[in-house]
Protein backbone atom coordinates (compact mmCIF):
# COMPACT_ATOMS: atom_id res chain seq x y z
CA MET A 1 -7.70 -90.35 298.73
CA ALA A 2 -4.42 -90.96 298.12
CA VAL A 3 -2.73 -89.72 295.44
CA VAL A 4 -2.15 -93.23 294.31
CA ASP A 5 -5.78 -93.94 294.32
CA VAL A 6 -6.41 -90.83 291.14
CA VAL A 7 -3.77 -92.31 289.08
CA GLU A 8 -5.16 -93.63 285.51
CA LYS A 9 -4.16 -95.99 282.97
CA THR A 10 -3.85 -94.48 279.23
CA SER A 11 -5.90 -97.17 276.83
CA PRO A 12 -3.65 -97.28 273.65
CA ALA A 13 -6.95 -96.38 272.22
CA ASP A 14 -7.22 -93.28 274.05
CA LEU A 15 -4.39 -91.83 272.53
CA VAL A 16 -3.89 -90.36 269.27
CA MET A 17 -0.11 -90.89 269.02
CA LEU A 18 2.59 -88.51 267.50
CA PRO A 19 5.94 -90.49 266.44
CA TYR A 20 6.85 -87.87 264.11
CA ARG A 21 6.82 -85.57 266.88
CA GLU A 22 9.54 -87.83 268.78
CA VAL A 23 12.54 -86.17 269.91
CA VAL A 24 15.83 -88.28 270.37
CA CYS A 25 18.14 -87.61 273.42
CA ASP A 26 21.41 -87.36 273.13
CA ASP A 27 23.31 -90.79 273.30
CA THR A 28 24.31 -90.57 277.01
CA LEU A 29 23.34 -94.85 278.27
CA ARG A 30 25.01 -97.83 277.19
CA GLU A 31 22.18 -99.92 276.35
CA PHE A 32 19.48 -97.13 275.84
CA MET A 33 18.48 -94.59 273.82
CA GLN A 34 16.02 -91.51 275.26
CA VAL A 35 13.08 -90.63 273.98
CA LEU A 36 10.64 -87.90 274.42
CA ARG A 37 7.42 -88.21 272.72
CA PRO A 38 3.86 -85.82 273.32
CA ASP A 39 0.89 -87.58 272.46
CA LEU A 40 -2.44 -86.72 273.02
CA VAL A 41 -5.12 -88.37 275.26
CA ASP A 42 -8.65 -88.07 273.53
CA ARG A 43 -11.01 -89.58 275.58
CA LYS A 44 -15.04 -88.96 275.34
CA GLY A 45 -16.42 -86.20 277.59
CA GLU A 46 -12.72 -85.53 279.33
CA VAL A 47 -10.59 -82.12 278.41
CA LEU A 48 -7.98 -82.48 275.67
CA ARG A 49 -4.82 -84.09 277.65
CA VAL A 50 -1.20 -83.87 276.42
CA GLN A 51 0.82 -87.12 277.65
CA LEU A 52 4.21 -86.29 277.53
CA LEU A 53 5.94 -89.83 276.78
CA LEU A 54 9.99 -90.36 278.61
CA ASP A 55 11.11 -94.23 276.72
CA ARG A 56 13.98 -95.25 276.98
CA ARG A 57 14.68 -97.73 274.41
CA HIS A 58 17.19 -100.83 274.40
CA LYS A 59 20.15 -100.55 271.34
CA GLN A 60 19.99 -104.11 271.21
CA ASN A 61 16.85 -106.27 272.33
CA LYS A 62 13.36 -104.73 272.33
CA GLY A 63 12.01 -106.88 275.22
CA PHE A 64 14.20 -104.94 277.15
CA SER A 65 12.86 -101.02 276.31
CA ARG A 66 10.30 -99.84 279.42
CA PRO A 67 8.21 -96.25 279.02
CA VAL A 68 10.26 -94.56 282.28
CA ALA A 69 7.32 -91.78 282.83
CA TYR A 70 4.23 -90.17 281.50
CA PHE A 71 4.16 -86.48 282.21
CA ARG A 72 0.18 -85.36 281.75
CA MET A 73 -0.56 -81.89 281.50
CA SER A 74 -4.96 -80.63 281.01
CA GLU A 75 -4.08 -76.60 280.62
CA SER A 76 -2.61 -74.86 277.81
CA ALA A 77 -0.90 -73.34 280.76
CA GLN A 78 1.44 -75.55 281.19
CA LEU A 79 2.40 -76.46 277.91
CA ILE A 80 2.95 -72.80 276.47
CA LYS A 81 5.08 -72.64 279.99
CA LEU A 82 7.08 -75.41 278.83
CA ALA A 83 7.35 -74.60 275.31
CA THR A 84 8.62 -70.93 277.05
CA ASN A 85 11.33 -72.27 278.70
CA PHE A 86 12.76 -74.31 275.75
CA VAL A 87 12.43 -72.04 272.99
CA ALA A 88 14.70 -69.81 275.41
CA LEU A 89 17.21 -72.37 275.92
CA ALA A 90 17.33 -72.51 272.51
CA VAL A 91 17.70 -69.35 272.64
CA VAL A 92 21.01 -69.19 275.32
CA MET A 93 22.57 -71.77 273.25
CA ALA A 94 22.48 -69.58 269.83
CA LEU A 95 23.75 -66.99 271.79
CA ASP A 96 26.19 -69.10 273.56
CA GLY A 97 27.54 -70.65 270.06
CA SER A 98 27.88 -67.12 268.50
CA ARG A 99 29.66 -66.09 272.11
CA ASN A 100 27.58 -63.67 273.11
CA LEU A 101 26.57 -64.81 275.94
CA GLU A 102 25.83 -60.28 277.10
CA PRO A 103 23.79 -59.35 274.84
CA SER A 104 21.80 -55.65 273.87
CA HIS A 105 18.22 -55.71 274.54
CA GLU A 106 18.61 -55.24 270.38
CA GLU A 107 20.04 -58.29 269.95
CA LEU A 108 18.69 -60.18 272.13
CA ALA A 109 14.97 -59.13 270.17
CA ARG A 110 16.78 -59.91 266.83
CA ALA A 111 17.86 -63.85 268.56
CA VAL A 112 14.43 -64.17 269.68
CA SER A 113 12.93 -62.65 266.46
CA SER A 114 14.75 -65.21 264.42
CA CYS A 115 14.68 -68.46 266.32
CA TRP A 116 10.43 -67.42 266.10
CA ASP A 117 10.41 -66.29 262.89
CA TYR A 118 13.14 -68.02 260.68
CA LEU A 119 13.38 -71.27 262.36
CA MET A 120 9.72 -71.65 264.60
CA LYS A 121 6.44 -70.09 262.96
CA ASN A 122 5.88 -72.06 260.15
CA ASP A 123 7.21 -75.84 261.50
CA VAL A 124 4.33 -74.89 264.09
CA LYS A 125 1.98 -74.12 261.76
CA LEU A 126 2.43 -77.55 259.65
CA THR A 127 2.56 -79.11 263.23
CA VAL A 128 -0.67 -78.03 263.92
CA GLU A 129 -2.68 -79.31 260.66
CA THR A 130 -1.07 -82.45 261.35
CA ILE A 131 -2.31 -82.97 265.12
CA LEU A 132 -5.53 -81.62 264.21
CA ARG A 133 -6.21 -84.04 261.46
CA ASP A 134 -4.84 -86.99 263.28
CA LEU A 135 -7.20 -85.86 266.17
CA ARG A 136 -9.68 -85.66 263.48
CA LEU A 137 -9.18 -89.34 262.58
CA HIS A 138 -8.87 -90.87 265.67
CA ARG A 139 -12.29 -89.18 266.51
CA MET A 140 -13.59 -90.11 263.40
CA ALA A 141 -12.10 -94.00 264.34
CA LEU A 142 -13.86 -94.08 268.11
CA GLU A 143 -17.20 -92.54 266.60
CA LYS A 144 -16.77 -95.99 263.89
CA ALA A 145 -16.39 -98.10 266.72
CA VAL A 146 -18.91 -96.78 269.06
CA GLU A 147 -21.37 -97.18 265.71
CA THR A 148 -20.25 -101.23 265.31
């Protein structure tokens, strides 16, 4: 079976959309703004997956807006690898901002700890609570749709 034979379309009914988690990228295109948005793909009987949408939205005419790509991940290890890399990049940017590209082990430990303890930990906790609530609501709506 060819790779294209296994491409599956995701129905909007399968998505738990997380628009409050959108990241609007730097404005580098004349006509479009680019957005990254993670959503949950929740199909009954299947493993819960994450879909990362790369969206290109036209600045003047919504009709020209088109999703560019969907990246689907079904293993938490994939997401942890993404998160680890992006947190590491954020710390590197912070160190570069303080003009310290050769931190000692202690300075590096403090930078990572500061990023996690003061900037991310509470946001992650609150976001998990919000996403869990949205997932429960999505599943209740699916159950209600099946009943009717």
